[in-house]
Amino acid sequence: MSAFDPRTVLLARHAQHVALIHFPIAVFITAVGFDYAAQWTRKPTLASAAYFNLLVAAVSTVPVVATGLVAWQWALEGQRLKGILLAHLVLGVTATGVIGVSCWIHWRQRACAGALPTYRLLVEAAGVLLVALTGHLGGVLSGVSGS
């Protein structure tokens, strides 16, 4: 099979997870950037951009987690995880939760028409750190970054 053959990309055992993961990472980091800029400039349009990007990031993590779990079942036949792969799973699920919580904080503020709490910036910063650590471990697992 050729590297440019669509079957190679679509039918590889873990290709979908690897291809999908970059979208929620980029959208979440962009959302956090918009939120910090909104806090600094006090511009509501930036806060709205942050909210909608967080919403897209939260929704797009669902297929990423699903394909990661499917890749685990296919590639490793469901065997017990350990080491870097276990840490990648735990950090990934935790990062997904933090992305969801960040989105919920913004959603709740829009529903109640109140001010955004400043602690959300710490939650979002923790989310970026978790995403970075998870991505690093994923890169190590895939052989992209040093092992």
C-alpha atoms as a PDB file:
ATOM      1  CA  MET A   1       0.000   0.000   0.000  1.00  0.00           C
ATOM      2  CA  SER A   2       1.077   3.544  -0.737  1.00  0.00           C
ATOM      3  CA  ALA A   3       1.299   6.236   1.922  1.00  0.00           C
ATOM      4  CA  PHE A   4      -1.081   8.279  -0.238  1.00  0.00           C
ATOM      5  CA  ASP A   5      -3.658   5.509  -0.519  1.00  0.00           C
ATOM      6  CA  PRO A   6      -6.820   6.559   1.411  1.00  0.00           C
ATOM      7  CA  ARG A   7      -7.205   3.007   2.740  1.00  0.00           C
ATOM      8  CA  THR A   8      -3.818   3.312   4.452  1.00  0.00           C
ATOM      9  CA  VAL A   9      -4.955   6.406   6.309  1.00  0.00           C
ATOM     10  CA  LEU A  10      -8.540   5.420   7.074  1.00  0.00           C
ATOM     11  CA  LEU A  11      -8.034   1.777   7.961  1.00  0.00           C
ATOM     12  CA  ALA A  12      -4.873   1.972  10.066  1.00  0.00           C
ATOM     13  CA  ARG A  13      -5.549   0.761  13.582  1.00  0.00           C
ATOM     14  CA  HIS A  14      -4.981   4.087  15.348  1.00  0.00           C
ATOM     15  CA  ALA A  15      -4.820   6.632  12.518  1.00  0.00           C
ATOM     16  CA  GLN A  16      -8.145   8.258  13.321  1.00  0.00           C
ATOM     17  CA  HIS A  17      -7.091   9.192  16.856  1.00  0.00           C
ATOM     18  CA  VAL A  18      -3.789  10.614  15.647  1.00  0.00           C
ATOM     19  CA  ALA A  19      -5.514  12.622  12.905  1.00  0.00           C
ATOM     20  CA  LEU A  20      -8.375  13.933  15.064  1.00  0.00           C
ATOM     21  CA  ILE A  21      -6.449  14.987  18.164  1.00  0.00           C
ATOM     22  CA  HIS A  22      -4.883  18.102  16.685  1.00  0.00           C
ATOM     23  CA  PHE A  23      -8.208  19.875  16.170  1.00  0.00           C
ATOM     24  CA  PRO A  24      -9.401  20.072  19.824  1.00  0.00           C
ATOM     25  CA  ILE A  25      -5.879  20.915  20.964  1.00  0.00           C
ATOM     26  CA  ALA A  26      -5.666  23.882  18.600  1.00  0.00           C
ATOM     27  CA  VAL A  27      -9.210  25.089  19.282  1.00  0.00           C
ATOM     28  CA  PHE A  28      -8.778  24.839  23.074  1.00  0.00           C
ATOM     29  CA  ILE A  29      -5.484  26.725  23.101  1.00  0.00           C
ATOM     30  CA  THR A  30      -7.015  29.369  20.820  1.00  0.00           C
ATOM     31  CA  ALA A  31     -10.002  29.656  23.174  1.00  0.00           C
ATOM     32  CA  VAL A  32      -7.720  30.162  26.156  1.00  0.00           C
ATOM     33  CA  GLY A  33      -5.832  32.848  24.236  1.00  0.00           C
ATOM     34  CA  PHE A  34      -9.108  34.616  23.446  1.00  0.00           C
ATOM     35  CA  ASP A  35     -10.203  34.366  27.077  1.00  0.00           C
ATOM     36  CA  TYR A  36      -6.968  35.834  28.422  1.00  0.00           C
ATOM     37  CA  ALA A  37      -7.197  38.614  25.829  1.00  0.00           C
ATOM     38  CA  ALA A  38     -10.839  39.230  26.825  1.00  0.00           C
ATOM     39  CA  GLN A  39      -9.849  39.475  30.484  1.00  0.00           C
ATOM     40  CA  TRP A  40      -7.029  41.887  29.680  1.00  0.00           C
ATOM     41  CA  THR A  41      -8.901  44.136  27.215  1.00  0.00           C
ATOM     42  CA  ARG A  42     -12.412  43.754  28.690  1.00  0.00           C
ATOM     43  CA  LYS A  43     -13.837  43.220  25.198  1.00  0.00           C
ATOM     44  CA  PRO A  44     -16.992  41.066  25.181  1.00  0.00           C
ATOM     45  CA  THR A  45     -16.426  39.955  21.593  1.00  0.00           C
ATOM     46  CA  LEU A  46     -13.224  38.206  22.653  1.00  0.00           C
ATOM     47  CA  ALA A  47     -15.100  36.526  25.505  1.00  0.00           C
ATOM     48  CA  SER A  48     -17.698  35.316  23.001  1.00  0.00           C
ATOM     49  CA  ALA A  49     -14.967  33.983  20.735  1.00  0.00           C
ATOM     50  CA  ALA A  50     -13.472  32.161  23.714  1.00  0.00           C
ATOM     51  CA  TYR A  51     -16.846  30.634  24.596  1.00  0.00           C
ATOM     52  CA  PHE A  52     -17.576  29.349  21.104  1.00  0.00           C
ATOM     53  CA  ASN A  53     -14.066  27.957  20.712  1.00  0.00           C
ATOM     54  CA  LEU A  54     -14.381  26.222  24.096  1.00  0.00           C
ATOM     55  CA  LEU A  55     -17.703  24.768  23.001  1.00  0.00           C
ATOM     56  CA  VAL A  56     -16.186  23.387  19.788  1.00  0.00           C
ATOM     57  CA  ALA A  57     -13.165  22.062  21.703  1.00  0.00           C
ATOM     58  CA  ALA A  58     -15.352  20.304  24.275  1.00  0.00           C
ATOM     59  CA  VAL A  59     -17.559  18.688  21.641  1.00  0.00           C
ATOM     60  CA  SER A  60     -14.604  17.640  19.504  1.00  0.00           C
ATOM     61  CA  THR A  61     -12.919  15.826  22.404  1.00  0.00           C
ATOM     62  CA  VAL A  62     -15.673  13.190  22.366  1.00  0.00           C
ATOM     63  CA  PRO A  63     -14.584  11.486  19.121  1.00  0.00           C
ATOM     64  CA  VAL A  64     -10.936  11.879  20.126  1.00  0.00           C
ATOM     65  CA  VAL A  65     -11.458   9.987  23.384  1.00  0.00           C
ATOM     66  CA  ALA A  66     -13.599   7.396  21.587  1.00  0.00           C
ATOM     67  CA  THR A  67     -10.990   6.761  18.890  1.00  0.00           C
ATOM     68  CA  GLY A  68      -8.246   6.589  21.522  1.00  0.00           C
ATOM     69  CA  LEU A  69     -10.150   3.896  23.392  1.00  0.00           C
ATOM     70  CA  VAL A  70     -10.851   2.035  20.143  1.00  0.00           C
ATOM     71  CA  ALA A  71      -7.154   2.232  19.210  1.00  0.00           C
ATOM     72  CA  TRP A  72      -6.291   0.732  22.591  1.00  0.00           C
ATOM     73  CA  GLN A  73      -8.706  -2.137  22.004  1.00  0.00           C
ATOM     74  CA  TRP A  74      -7.533  -2.776  18.428  1.00  0.00           C
ATOM     75  CA  ALA A  75      -3.802  -2.259  18.748  1.00  0.00           C
ATOM     76  CA  LEU A  76      -3.336  -3.819  22.169  1.00  0.00           C
ATOM     77  CA  GLU A  77      -6.401  -6.065  22.169  1.00  0.00           C
ATOM     78  CA  GLY A  78      -7.604  -4.509  25.414  1.00  0.00           C
ATOM     79  CA  GLN A  79      -4.636  -5.618  27.492  1.00  0.00           C
ATOM     80  CA  ARG A  80      -3.868  -3.798  30.725  1.00  0.00           C
ATOM     81  CA  LEU A  81      -2.162  -0.445  30.231  1.00  0.00           C
ATOM     82  CA  LYS A  82       1.029   0.552  32.015  1.00  0.00           C
ATOM     83  CA  GLY A  83       3.780   3.117  31.842  1.00  0.00           C
ATOM     84  CA  ILE A  84       3.602   5.943  29.330  1.00  0.00           C
ATOM     85  CA  LEU A  85       0.429   4.630  27.705  1.00  0.00           C
ATOM     86  CA  LEU A  86      -1.413   4.581  31.032  1.00  0.00           C
ATOM     87  CA  ALA A  87      -0.157   8.088  31.858  1.00  0.00           C
ATOM     88  CA  HIS A  88      -1.286   9.254  28.393  1.00  0.00           C
ATOM     89  CA  LEU A  89      -4.779   7.834  29.000  1.00  0.00           C
ATOM     90  CA  VAL A  90      -5.105   9.338  32.480  1.00  0.00           C
ATOM     91  CA  LEU A  91      -3.822  12.749  31.395  1.00  0.00           C
ATOM     92  CA  GLY A  92      -6.006  12.683  28.275  1.00  0.00           C
ATOM     93  CA  VAL A  93      -9.179  11.936  30.203  1.00  0.00           C
ATOM     94  CA  THR A  94      -8.256  14.568  32.788  1.00  0.00           C
ATOM     95  CA  ALA A  95      -7.562  17.156  30.072  1.00  0.00           C
ATOM     96  CA  THR A  96     -10.914  16.318  28.478  1.00  0.00           C
ATOM     97  CA  GLY A  97     -12.594  16.928  31.828  1.00  0.00           C
ATOM     98  CA  VAL A  98     -10.843  20.258  32.316  1.00  0.00           C
ATOM     99  CA  ILE A  99     -11.840  21.353  28.797  1.00  0.00           C
ATOM    100  CA  GLY A 100     -15.427  20.422  29.639  1.00  0.00           C
ATOM    101  CA  VAL A 101     -15.300  22.306  32.943  1.00  0.00           C
ATOM    102  CA  SER A 102     -13.871  25.385  31.198  1.00  0.00           C
ATOM    103  CA  CYS A 103     -16.708  25.273  28.677  1.00  0.00           C
ATOM    104  CA  TRP A 104     -19.268  24.784  31.463  1.00  0.00           C
ATOM    105  CA  ILE A 105     -17.950  27.822  33.364  1.00  0.00           C
ATOM    106  CA  HIS A 106     -18.441  29.990  30.283  1.00  0.00           C
ATOM    107  CA  TRP A 107     -21.828  28.420  29.481  1.00  0.00           C
ATOM    108  CA  ARG A 108     -23.051  29.018  33.036  1.00  0.00           C
ATOM    109  CA  GLN A 109     -21.979  32.655  32.889  1.00  0.00           C
ATOM    110  CA  ARG A 110     -23.864  33.176  29.622  1.00  0.00           C
ATOM    111  CA  ALA A 111     -26.976  31.449  31.012  1.00  0.00           C
ATOM    112  CA  CYS A 112     -26.975  33.489  34.231  1.00  0.00           C
ATOM    113  CA  ALA A 113     -25.753  36.730  32.634  1.00  0.00           C
ATOM    114  CA  GLY A 114     -23.188  37.146  35.398  1.00  0.00           C
ATOM    115  CA  ALA A 115     -19.519  38.001  35.313  1.00  0.00           C
ATOM    116  CA  LEU A 116     -16.982  35.323  34.504  1.00  0.00           C
ATOM    117  CA  PRO A 117     -15.107  34.181  37.620  1.00  0.00           C
ATOM    118  CA  THR A 118     -11.391  34.888  37.511  1.00  0.00           C
ATOM    119  CA  TYR A 119     -10.530  31.373  38.730  1.00  0.00           C
ATOM    120  CA  ARG A 120     -11.455  30.151  35.239  1.00  0.00           C
ATOM    121  CA  LEU A 121      -8.105  31.463  34.014  1.00  0.00           C
ATOM    122  CA  LEU A 122      -6.309  29.056  36.364  1.00  0.00           C
ATOM    123  CA  VAL A 123      -8.554  26.197  35.236  1.00  0.00           C
ATOM    124  CA  GLU A 124      -7.795  27.023  31.600  1.00  0.00           C
ATOM    125  CA  ALA A 125      -4.054  27.326  32.256  1.00  0.00           C
ATOM    126  CA  ALA A 126      -4.130  23.927  33.958  1.00  0.00           C
ATOM    127  CA  GLY A 127      -5.973  22.602  30.914  1.00  0.00           C
ATOM    128  CA  VAL A 128      -3.288  23.894  28.559  1.00  0.00           C
ATOM    129  CA  LEU A 129      -0.611  22.275  30.724  1.00  0.00           C
ATOM    130  CA  LEU A 130      -2.503  18.964  30.766  1.00  0.00           C
ATOM    131  CA  VAL A 131      -3.015  19.101  26.993  1.00  0.00           C
ATOM    132  CA  ALA A 132       0.706  19.783  26.489  1.00  0.00           C
ATOM    133  CA  LEU A 133       1.764  16.898  28.742  1.00  0.00           C
ATOM    134  CA  THR A 134      -0.737  14.534  27.139  1.00  0.00           C
ATOM    135  CA  GLY A 135       0.384  15.551  23.659  1.00  0.00           C
ATOM    136  CA  HIS A 136       4.025  15.086  24.590  1.00  0.00           C
ATOM    137  CA  LEU A 137       3.370  11.568  25.843  1.00  0.00           C
ATOM    138  CA  GLY A 138       1.342  10.835  22.721  1.00  0.00           C
ATOM    139  CA  GLY A 139       4.269  12.003  20.615  1.00  0.00           C
ATOM    140  CA  VAL A 140       6.618   9.729  22.543  1.00  0.00           C
ATOM    141  CA  LEU A 141       4.233   6.811  22.007  1.00  0.00           C
ATOM    142  CA  SER A 142       3.978   7.463  18.279  1.00  0.00           C
ATOM    143  CA  GLY A 143       7.718   7.905  17.920  1.00  0.00           C
ATOM    144  CA  VAL A 144       7.453  11.544  16.856  1.00  0.00           C
ATOM    145  CA  SER A 145       9.283  12.997  19.859  1.00  0.00           C
ATOM    146  CA  GLY A 146      12.243  11.454  21.657  1.00  0.00           C
ATOM    147  CA  SER A 147      11.737   8.214  23.517  1.00  0.00           C
END
